[in-house]
C-alpha atoms as a PDB file:
ATOM      1  CA  MET A   1      27.317  -4.591  18.169  1.00  0.00           C
ATOM      2  CA  PRO A   2      24.338  -4.460  20.539  1.00  0.00           C
ATOM      3  CA  ILE A   3      21.646  -1.899  19.816  1.00  0.00           C
ATOM      4  CA  THR A   4      21.581   0.847  22.426  1.00  0.00           C
ATOM      5  CA  ASN A   5      18.407   2.709  21.431  1.00  0.00           C
ATOM      6  CA  GLN A   6      15.991   2.188  24.310  1.00  0.00           C
ATOM      7  CA  GLN A   7      13.004   3.342  22.195  1.00  0.00           C
ATOM      8  CA  LEU A   8      13.414   0.423  19.827  1.00  0.00           C
ATOM      9  CA  ASN A   9      10.972  -2.360  20.670  1.00  0.00           C
ATOM     10  CA  GLU A  10      12.243  -5.370  18.751  1.00  0.00           C
ATOM     11  CA  ASP A  11       8.922  -7.154  19.282  1.00  0.00           C
ATOM     12  CA  PHE A  12       7.205  -4.572  17.062  1.00  0.00           C
ATOM     13  CA  LEU A  13       9.427  -5.379  14.082  1.00  0.00           C
ATOM     14  CA  LEU A  14       7.502  -7.476  11.540  1.00  0.00           C
ATOM     15  CA  HIS A  15       4.888  -8.280  14.189  1.00  0.00           C
ATOM     16  CA  GLN A  16       2.069  -8.874  11.686  1.00  0.00           C
ATOM     17  CA  MET A  17       4.185 -11.292   9.682  1.00  0.00           C
ATOM     18  CA  TYR A  18       5.080 -13.263  12.813  1.00  0.00           C
ATOM     19  CA  THR A  19       1.411 -13.600  13.774  1.00  0.00           C
ATOM     20  CA  ASP A  20       0.325 -14.742  10.306  1.00  0.00           C
ATOM     21  CA  GLY A  21       1.071 -18.403   9.595  1.00  0.00           C
ATOM     22  CA  TYR A  22       1.394 -17.650   5.878  1.00  0.00           C
ATOM     23  CA  PHE A  23       4.873 -16.266   6.506  1.00  0.00           C
ATOM     24  CA  PRO A  24       7.462 -18.836   7.687  1.00  0.00           C
ATOM     25  CA  ASP A  25       9.052 -17.619  10.914  1.00  0.00           C
ATOM     26  CA  HIS A  26      12.540 -18.711   9.888  1.00  0.00           C
ATOM     27  CA  ILE A  27      12.388 -16.368   6.882  1.00  0.00           C
ATOM     28  CA  VAL A  28      10.729 -13.561   8.843  1.00  0.00           C
ATOM     29  CA  ASP A  29      13.627 -13.958  11.303  1.00  0.00           C
ATOM     30  CA  LYS A  30      15.974 -13.118   8.425  1.00  0.00           C
ATOM     31  CA  GLY A  31      13.950  -9.966   7.743  1.00  0.00           C
ATOM     32  CA  LYS A  32      14.112  -8.978  11.388  1.00  0.00           C
ATOM     33  CA  ALA A  33      17.877  -9.529  11.313  1.00  0.00           C
ATOM     34  CA  ILE A  34      18.084  -7.120   8.353  1.00  0.00           C
ATOM     35  CA  LEU A  35      16.221  -4.492  10.372  1.00  0.00           C
ATOM     36  CA  LEU A  36      18.432  -5.016  13.410  1.00  0.00           C
ATOM     37  CA  ARG A  37      21.558  -4.660  11.253  1.00  0.00           C
ATOM     38  CA  LEU A  38      20.025  -1.437   9.936  1.00  0.00           C
ATOM     39  CA  CYS A  39      19.717  -0.212  13.530  1.00  0.00           C
ATOM     40  CA  GLU A  40      23.352  -1.088  14.154  1.00  0.00           C
ATOM     41  CA  ARG A  41      24.400   0.851  11.040  1.00  0.00           C
ATOM     42  CA  ILE A  42      22.328   3.869  12.083  1.00  0.00           C
ATOM     43  CA  GLU A  43      23.966   3.852  15.499  1.00  0.00           C
ATOM     44  CA  ALA A  44      27.459   3.383  14.053  1.00  0.00           C
ATOM     45  CA  GLU A  45      27.190   5.851  11.172  1.00  0.00           C
ATOM     46  CA  GLN A  46      24.798   8.345  12.786  1.00  0.00           C
ATOM     47  CA  PRO A  47      23.264   9.737   9.585  1.00  0.00           C
ATOM     48  CA  ALA A  48      22.966  13.512   9.834  1.00  0.00           C
ATOM     49  CA  ASP A  49      19.862  13.935   7.713  1.00  0.00           C
ATOM     50  CA  LEU A  50      17.120  12.110   5.823  1.00  0.00           C
ATOM     51  CA  PRO A  51      19.106  11.611   2.602  1.00  0.00           C
ATOM     52  CA  ALA A  52      21.856   9.890   4.618  1.00  0.00           C
ATOM     53  CA  LEU A  53      19.256   7.751   6.392  1.00  0.00           C
ATOM     54  CA  TYR A  54      17.632   6.812   3.073  1.00  0.00           C
ATOM     55  CA  VAL A  55      20.959   5.461   1.807  1.00  0.00           C
ATOM     56  CA  LEU A  56      21.016   3.059   4.763  1.00  0.00           C
ATOM     57  CA  THR A  57      17.351   2.063   4.609  1.00  0.00           C
ATOM     58  CA  GLN A  58      17.402   1.522   0.874  1.00  0.00           C
ATOM     59  CA  ALA A  59      20.434  -0.756   1.201  1.00  0.00           C
ATOM     60  CA  ALA A  60      18.491  -2.761   3.807  1.00  0.00           C
ATOM     61  CA  THR A  61      15.486  -2.828   1.475  1.00  0.00           C
ATOM     62  CA  GLU A  62      17.659  -4.414  -1.197  1.00  0.00           C
ATOM     63  CA  GLU A  63      18.436  -7.178   1.305  1.00  0.00           C
ATOM     64  CA  PHE A  64      14.673  -7.712   1.678  1.00  0.00           C
ATOM     65  CA  ASN A  65      14.441  -7.983  -2.110  1.00  0.00           C
ATOM     66  CA  LEU A  66      16.694 -11.037  -1.899  1.00  0.00           C
ATOM     67  CA  LEU A  67      14.329 -12.711   0.573  1.00  0.00           C
ATOM     68  CA  GLU A  68      11.485 -12.801  -1.963  1.00  0.00           C
ATOM     69  CA  SER A  69      12.776 -16.002  -3.538  1.00  0.00           C
ATOM     70  CA  GLU A  70      13.034 -17.662  -0.122  1.00  0.00           C
ATOM     71  CA  PHE A  71       9.432 -16.746   0.656  1.00  0.00           C
ATOM     72  CA  GLU A  72       8.338 -18.113  -2.718  1.00  0.00           C
ATOM     73  CA  ALA A  73      10.254 -21.374  -2.197  1.00  0.00           C
ATOM     74  CA  ALA A  74       8.384 -21.767   1.101  1.00  0.00           C
ATOM     75  CA  GLY A  75       4.982 -21.213  -0.556  1.00  0.00           C
ATOM     76  CA  SER A  76       4.695 -17.608   0.583  1.00  0.00           C
ATOM     77  CA  GLU A  77       5.474 -14.190  -0.866  1.00  0.00           C
ATOM     78  CA  ILE A  78       5.975 -10.574   0.056  1.00  0.00           C
ATOM     79  CA  GLU A  79       2.398  -9.478  -0.613  1.00  0.00           C
ATOM     80  CA  THR A  80       0.143  -6.748   0.774  1.00  0.00           C
ATOM     81  CA  VAL A  81       0.292  -7.697   4.462  1.00  0.00           C
ATOM     82  CA  ALA A  82       4.048  -8.178   4.282  1.00  0.00           C
ATOM     83  CA  ARG A  83       4.629  -4.938   2.360  1.00  0.00           C
ATOM     84  CA  GLU A  84       2.656  -2.985   4.951  1.00  0.00           C
ATOM     85  CA  ASP A  85       4.412  -4.659   7.870  1.00  0.00           C
ATOM     86  CA  ILE A  86       7.879  -4.201   6.395  1.00  0.00           C
ATOM     87  CA  GLY A  87       7.155  -0.550   5.604  1.00  0.00           C
ATOM     88  CA  GLU A  88       5.819   0.050   9.121  1.00  0.00           C
ATOM     89  CA  SER A  89       8.884  -1.600  10.605  1.00  0.00           C
ATOM     90  CA  PHE A  90      11.227   0.616   8.572  1.00  0.00           C
ATOM     91  CA  TRP A  91       9.231   3.675   9.646  1.00  0.00           C
ATOM     92  CA  PHE A  92       9.334   2.526  13.275  1.00  0.00           C
ATOM     93  CA  VAL A  93      13.122   2.232  13.089  1.00  0.00           C
ATOM     94  CA  ALA A  94      13.447   5.667  11.483  1.00  0.00           C
ATOM     95  CA  THR A  95      11.282   7.349  14.110  1.00  0.00           C
ATOM     96  CA  ALA A  96      13.047   5.527  16.959  1.00  0.00           C
ATOM     97  CA  TYR A  97      16.221   7.251  15.797  1.00  0.00           C
ATOM     98  CA  GLY A  98      14.591  10.681  15.609  1.00  0.00           C
ATOM     99  CA  PHE A  99      13.734  10.784  11.904  1.00  0.00           C
ATOM    100  CA  THR A 100      10.059  11.560  12.423  1.00  0.00           C
ATOM    101  CA  ASP A 101       9.805  13.266   9.017  1.00  0.00           C
ATOM    102  CA  ALA A 102      10.891  10.140   7.159  1.00  0.00           C
ATOM    103  CA  ASP A 103       8.766   9.190   4.160  1.00  0.00           C
ATOM    104  CA  VAL A 104       7.933   5.484   4.248  1.00  0.00           C
ATOM    105  CA  GLU A 105       7.993   5.217   0.465  1.00  0.00           C
ATOM    106  CA  GLU A 106      11.436   6.801   0.349  1.00  0.00           C
ATOM    107  CA  LEU A 107      12.715   4.546   3.141  1.00  0.00           C
ATOM    108  CA  ILE A 108      11.930   1.481   1.003  1.00  0.00           C
ATOM    109  CA  ALA A 109      12.221   3.079  -2.444  1.00  0.00           C
ATOM    110  CA  THR A 110      14.497   0.321  -3.771  1.00  0.00           C
ATOM    111  CA  ARG A 111      11.957  -2.443  -3.132  1.00  0.00           C
ATOM    112  CA  ASP A 112      10.886  -4.740  -5.927  1.00  0.00           C
ATOM    113  CA  TRP A 113       7.939  -6.262  -4.069  1.00  0.00           C
END
C-alpha cells in the first residue's frame, strides 16, 4: 500500500544514520522499512487518539529491537546517535499524521536499546 501522506518526507527518516558510516546502509534500510510500514498501518487503521497510536509505534519499536543483533553482527550498534535518530523519526511520523502532542519516549517505550 503506497503512503499517501504528502507531509511525510521519507528522506528525513533515519537521516543521521544514513550519513554516518558507522551504521550499515543495508540495515538502516530495514529500519526505514519498519517506519514506512508504520505509516501504512497508521493510514490503514487511522488511530483515533494517542493511546491507539502508541500501540502501533510500540509494535514498530519492537521490530527495531530485533535489528540490534544485525547491527552488532555488522560491527555497529544502536547507540546514542541511532537512538536519537530513531526517536526523531518516530516523532516525525507521528506529527506528520497530526499527533503533535505525541511523547517521543512513549512512542518508543518498548525499546530495549
